[in-house]
């Protein structure tokens, strides 16, 4: 039973990382592109770095929402199906 709980914890962290990855990677890549643009043009405006990142992350979350929802439903279904094994 302890091995199942540890496995469930590991699966939880993997699922959380998998769901967070598209937004985090997008924010990192857009931030890098904006930073390079600011360095080459010597424009040092704070909103120039924030607004493109937030718009890109929102766009990626909207585009990947069906996949994220499917992944979360599968994880919850698997977790709920494991409840009887923990009740023994």
N, C-alpha and C. Protein backbone atom coordinates (compact mmCIF):
# COMPACT_ATOMS: atom_id res chain seq x y z
N UNK A 1 0.82 -1.19 0.00
CA UNK A 1 0.00 0.00 0.00
C UNK A 1 0.87 1.27 0.00
N UNK A 2 1.98 1.23 0.73
CA UNK A 2 2.87 2.40 0.76
C UNK A 2 3.46 2.67 -0.62
N UNK A 3 3.77 1.61 -1.34
CA UNK A 3 4.33 1.78 -2.69
C UNK A 3 3.31 2.43 -3.62
N UNK A 4 2.02 2.08 -3.43
CA UNK A 4 0.98 2.70 -4.26
C UNK A 4 0.84 4.19 -3.94
N UNK A 5 0.96 4.54 -2.66
CA UNK A 5 0.88 5.95 -2.29
C UNK A 5 2.05 6.75 -2.83
N UNK A 6 3.23 6.16 -2.75
CA UNK A 6 4.41 6.84 -3.30
C UNK A 6 4.28 6.98 -4.81
N UNK A 7 3.79 5.93 -5.46
CA UNK A 7 3.56 5.99 -6.90
C UNK A 7 2.54 7.05 -7.27
N UNK A 8 1.49 7.18 -6.45
CA UNK A 8 0.48 8.21 -6.68
C UNK A 8 1.08 9.61 -6.52
N UNK A 9 1.95 9.77 -5.53
CA UNK A 9 2.62 11.06 -5.34
C UNK A 9 3.51 11.42 -6.51
N UNK A 10 4.26 10.45 -7.00
CA UNK A 10 5.14 10.68 -8.15
C UNK A 10 4.30 11.01 -9.38
N UNK A 11 3.20 10.28 -9.57
CA UNK A 11 2.33 10.55 -10.72
C UNK A 11 1.70 11.94 -10.61
N UNK A 12 1.39 12.36 -9.40
CA UNK A 12 0.83 13.70 -9.19
C UNK A 12 1.83 14.78 -9.60
N UNK A 13 3.08 14.63 -9.19
CA UNK A 13 4.10 15.62 -9.56
C UNK A 13 4.36 15.62 -11.06
N UNK A 14 4.38 14.44 -11.67
CA UNK A 14 4.59 14.36 -13.11
C UNK A 14 3.45 15.04 -13.87
N UNK A 15 2.23 14.80 -13.42
CA UNK A 15 1.08 15.41 -14.08
C UNK A 15 1.10 16.92 -13.92
N UNK A 16 1.42 17.40 -12.73
CA UNK A 16 1.49 18.85 -12.51
C UNK A 16 2.56 19.49 -13.38
N UNK A 17 3.72 18.85 -13.48
CA UNK A 17 4.80 19.37 -14.32
C UNK A 17 4.40 19.36 -15.79
N UNK A 18 3.75 18.29 -16.22
CA UNK A 18 3.32 18.18 -17.61
C UNK A 18 2.29 19.25 -17.96
N UNK A 19 1.39 19.55 -17.04
CA UNK A 19 0.37 20.56 -17.30
C UNK A 19 0.93 21.98 -17.26
N UNK A 20 1.95 22.21 -16.45
CA UNK A 20 2.53 23.54 -16.33
C UNK A 20 3.54 23.85 -17.43
N UNK A 21 4.09 22.80 -18.04
CA UNK A 21 5.19 22.99 -18.99
C UNK A 21 4.88 23.88 -20.20
N UNK A 22 3.74 23.74 -20.87
CA UNK A 22 3.52 24.59 -22.05
C UNK A 22 3.52 26.09 -21.73
N UNK A 23 2.86 26.47 -20.66
CA UNK A 23 2.83 27.88 -20.28
C UNK A 23 4.19 28.39 -19.84
N UNK A 24 4.91 27.60 -19.06
CA UNK A 24 6.22 28.02 -18.58
C UNK A 24 7.23 28.14 -19.72
N UNK A 25 7.23 27.16 -20.61
CA UNK A 25 8.16 27.22 -21.75
C UNK A 25 7.85 28.40 -22.66
N UNK A 26 6.57 28.66 -22.88
CA UNK A 26 6.19 29.80 -23.71
C UNK A 26 6.64 31.10 -23.08
N UNK A 27 6.41 31.25 -21.80
CA UNK A 27 6.84 32.46 -21.10
C UNK A 27 8.35 32.65 -21.16
N UNK A 28 9.08 31.55 -21.02
CA UNK A 28 10.53 31.63 -21.07
C UNK A 28 11.02 32.01 -22.47
N UNK A 29 10.46 31.37 -23.50
CA UNK A 29 10.93 31.66 -24.86
C UNK A 29 10.55 33.07 -25.31
N UNK A 30 9.33 33.51 -25.00
CA UNK A 30 8.93 34.87 -25.36
C UNK A 30 9.74 35.89 -24.57
N UNK A 31 9.99 35.61 -23.31
CA UNK A 31 10.83 36.51 -22.51
C UNK A 31 12.24 36.62 -23.06
N UNK A 32 12.79 35.50 -23.51
CA UNK A 32 14.12 35.52 -24.11
C UNK A 32 14.13 36.33 -25.39
N UNK A 33 13.11 36.13 -26.24
CA UNK A 33 13.03 36.88 -27.50
C UNK A 33 12.88 38.37 -27.24
N UNK A 34 12.06 38.74 -26.28
CA UNK A 34 11.86 40.17 -25.96
C UNK A 34 13.14 40.76 -25.37
N UNK A 35 13.82 39.99 -24.55
CA UNK A 35 15.08 40.48 -23.97
C UNK A 35 16.13 40.72 -25.04
N UNK A 36 16.22 39.80 -26.01
CA UNK A 36 17.17 40.00 -27.11
C UNK A 36 16.78 41.23 -27.93
N UNK A 37 15.48 41.38 -28.18
CA UNK A 37 15.01 42.55 -28.91
C UNK A 37 15.34 43.85 -28.16
N UNK A 38 15.12 43.85 -26.85
CA UNK A 38 15.41 45.04 -26.05
C UNK A 38 16.91 45.33 -26.02
N UNK A 39 17.71 44.29 -25.97
CA UNK A 39 19.16 44.50 -25.92
C UNK A 39 19.68 45.04 -27.25
N UNK A 40 19.12 44.57 -28.35
CA UNK A 40 19.62 45.04 -29.65
C UNK A 40 19.13 46.44 -29.99
N UNK A 41 17.93 46.78 -29.55
CA UNK A 41 17.40 48.12 -29.86
C UNK A 41 17.61 49.12 -28.74
N UNK A 42 18.11 48.67 -27.61
CA UNK A 42 18.35 49.49 -26.43
C UNK A 42 17.07 50.18 -25.94
N UNK A 43 15.94 49.51 -26.13
CA UNK A 43 14.67 49.97 -25.57
C UNK A 43 14.52 49.29 -24.22
N UNK A 44 14.36 50.08 -23.17
CA UNK A 44 14.28 49.52 -21.83
C UNK A 44 12.93 49.87 -21.21
N UNK A 45 11.88 49.32 -21.78
CA UNK A 45 10.53 49.58 -21.29
C UNK A 45 10.02 48.32 -20.58
N UNK A 46 9.54 48.47 -19.34
CA UNK A 46 9.11 47.32 -18.56
C UNK A 46 7.87 46.65 -19.14
N UNK A 47 6.93 47.44 -19.65
CA UNK A 47 5.71 46.84 -20.18
C UNK A 47 5.99 46.05 -21.46
N UNK A 48 7.06 46.38 -22.16
CA UNK A 48 7.40 45.66 -23.38
C UNK A 48 7.77 44.21 -23.07
N UNK A 49 8.31 43.97 -21.90
CA UNK A 49 8.66 42.59 -21.56
C UNK A 49 7.49 41.84 -20.94
N UNK A 50 6.58 42.53 -20.30
CA UNK A 50 5.49 41.86 -19.61
C UNK A 50 4.31 41.51 -20.52
N UNK A 51 3.86 42.45 -21.31
CA UNK A 51 2.65 42.26 -22.10
C UNK A 51 2.78 41.13 -23.13
N UNK A 52 3.86 41.04 -23.91
CA UNK A 52 3.95 39.90 -24.86
C UNK A 52 3.98 38.55 -24.16
N UNK A 53 4.66 38.48 -23.00
CA UNK A 53 4.71 37.21 -22.28
C UNK A 53 3.33 36.79 -21.81
N UNK A 54 2.58 37.70 -21.21
CA UNK A 54 1.27 37.33 -20.69
C UNK A 54 0.31 36.96 -21.82
N UNK A 55 0.38 37.68 -22.93
CA UNK A 55 -0.49 37.35 -24.06
C UNK A 55 -0.13 35.99 -24.66
N UNK A 56 1.16 35.70 -24.77
CA UNK A 56 1.58 34.42 -25.32
C UNK A 56 1.19 33.26 -24.40
N UNK A 57 1.35 33.44 -23.10
CA UNK A 57 0.99 32.38 -22.16
C UNK A 57 -0.51 32.15 -22.17
N UNK A 58 -1.30 33.21 -22.21
CA UNK A 58 -2.76 33.06 -22.29
C UNK A 58 -3.14 32.33 -23.58
N UNK A 59 -2.51 32.69 -24.68
CA UNK A 59 -2.80 32.03 -25.95
C UNK A 59 -2.48 30.54 -25.92
N UNK A 60 -1.33 30.19 -25.35
CA UNK A 60 -0.95 28.78 -25.28
C UNK A 60 -1.89 28.01 -24.35
N UNK A 61 -2.27 28.62 -23.25
CA UNK A 61 -3.20 27.94 -22.35
C UNK A 61 -4.55 27.72 -23.02
N UNK A 62 -5.02 28.71 -23.77
CA UNK A 62 -6.29 28.53 -24.48
C UNK A 62 -6.17 27.43 -25.53
N UNK A 63 -5.06 27.38 -26.25
CA UNK A 63 -4.88 26.36 -27.28
C UNK A 63 -4.70 24.95 -26.71
N UNK A 64 -4.06 24.84 -25.56
CA UNK A 64 -3.81 23.52 -24.98
C UNK A 64 -4.86 23.12 -23.94
N UNK A 65 -5.88 23.94 -23.74
CA UNK A 65 -6.88 23.63 -22.72
C UNK A 65 -7.58 22.28 -22.92
N UNK A 66 -7.97 21.89 -24.14
CA UNK A 66 -8.60 20.56 -24.28
C UNK A 66 -7.67 19.42 -23.85
N UNK A 67 -6.41 19.51 -24.24
CA UNK A 67 -5.44 18.49 -23.83
C UNK A 67 -5.25 18.50 -22.31
N UNK A 68 -5.14 19.69 -21.72
CA UNK A 68 -4.98 19.78 -20.27
C UNK A 68 -6.18 19.20 -19.54
N UNK A 69 -7.36 19.52 -20.01
CA UNK A 69 -8.57 19.02 -19.38
C UNK A 69 -8.65 17.50 -19.49
N UNK A 70 -8.31 16.96 -20.64
CA UNK A 70 -8.31 15.50 -20.82
C UNK A 70 -7.29 14.84 -19.89
N UNK A 71 -6.12 15.44 -19.75
CA UNK A 71 -5.09 14.90 -18.86
C UNK A 71 -5.55 14.93 -17.42
N UNK A 72 -6.16 16.02 -16.99
CA UNK A 72 -6.63 16.12 -15.61
C UNK A 72 -7.77 15.15 -15.33
N UNK A 73 -8.67 14.98 -16.29
CA UNK A 73 -9.78 14.03 -16.10
C UNK A 73 -9.24 12.60 -16.00
N UNK A 74 -8.27 12.25 -16.84
CA UNK A 74 -7.67 10.91 -16.76
C UNK A 74 -6.99 10.69 -15.42
N UNK A 75 -6.27 11.69 -14.94
CA UNK A 75 -5.59 11.56 -13.65
C UNK A 75 -6.60 11.42 -12.51
N UNK A 76 -7.65 12.23 -12.52
CA UNK A 76 -8.66 12.15 -11.46
C UNK A 76 -9.40 10.82 -11.50
N UNK A 77 -9.73 10.35 -12.69
CA UNK A 77 -10.40 9.06 -12.82
C UNK A 77 -9.52 7.94 -12.27
N UNK A 78 -8.25 7.97 -12.63
CA UNK A 78 -7.31 6.96 -12.13
C UNK A 78 -7.20 7.03 -10.61
N UNK A 79 -7.13 8.24 -10.06
CA UNK A 79 -7.01 8.41 -8.62
C UNK A 79 -8.28 7.92 -7.91
N UNK A 80 -9.45 8.27 -8.43
CA UNK A 80 -10.69 7.84 -7.81
C UNK A 80 -10.86 6.32 -7.89
N UNK A 81 -10.38 5.71 -8.96
CA UNK A 81 -10.44 4.26 -9.07
C UNK A 81 -9.50 3.56 -8.09
N UNK A 82 -8.48 4.26 -7.60
CA UNK A 82 -7.55 3.68 -6.64
C UNK A 82 -8.06 3.76 -5.20
N UNK A 83 -9.11 4.54 -4.95
CA UNK A 83 -9.59 4.74 -3.57
C UNK A 83 -9.96 3.41 -2.88
N UNK A 84 -10.65 2.49 -3.54
CA UNK A 84 -10.97 1.24 -2.84
C UNK A 84 -9.74 0.46 -2.39
N UNK A 85 -8.64 0.56 -3.10
CA UNK A 85 -7.44 -0.17 -2.69
C UNK A 85 -6.82 0.43 -1.44
N UNK A 86 -7.06 1.72 -1.18
CA UNK A 86 -6.50 2.36 0.01
C UNK A 86 -7.41 2.17 1.23
N UNK A 87 -8.65 1.80 1.04
CA UNK A 87 -9.61 1.67 2.13
C UNK A 87 -9.49 0.33 2.85
N UNK A 88 -8.66 -0.55 2.37
CA UNK A 88 -8.55 -1.87 3.01
C UNK A 88 -7.75 -1.83 4.27
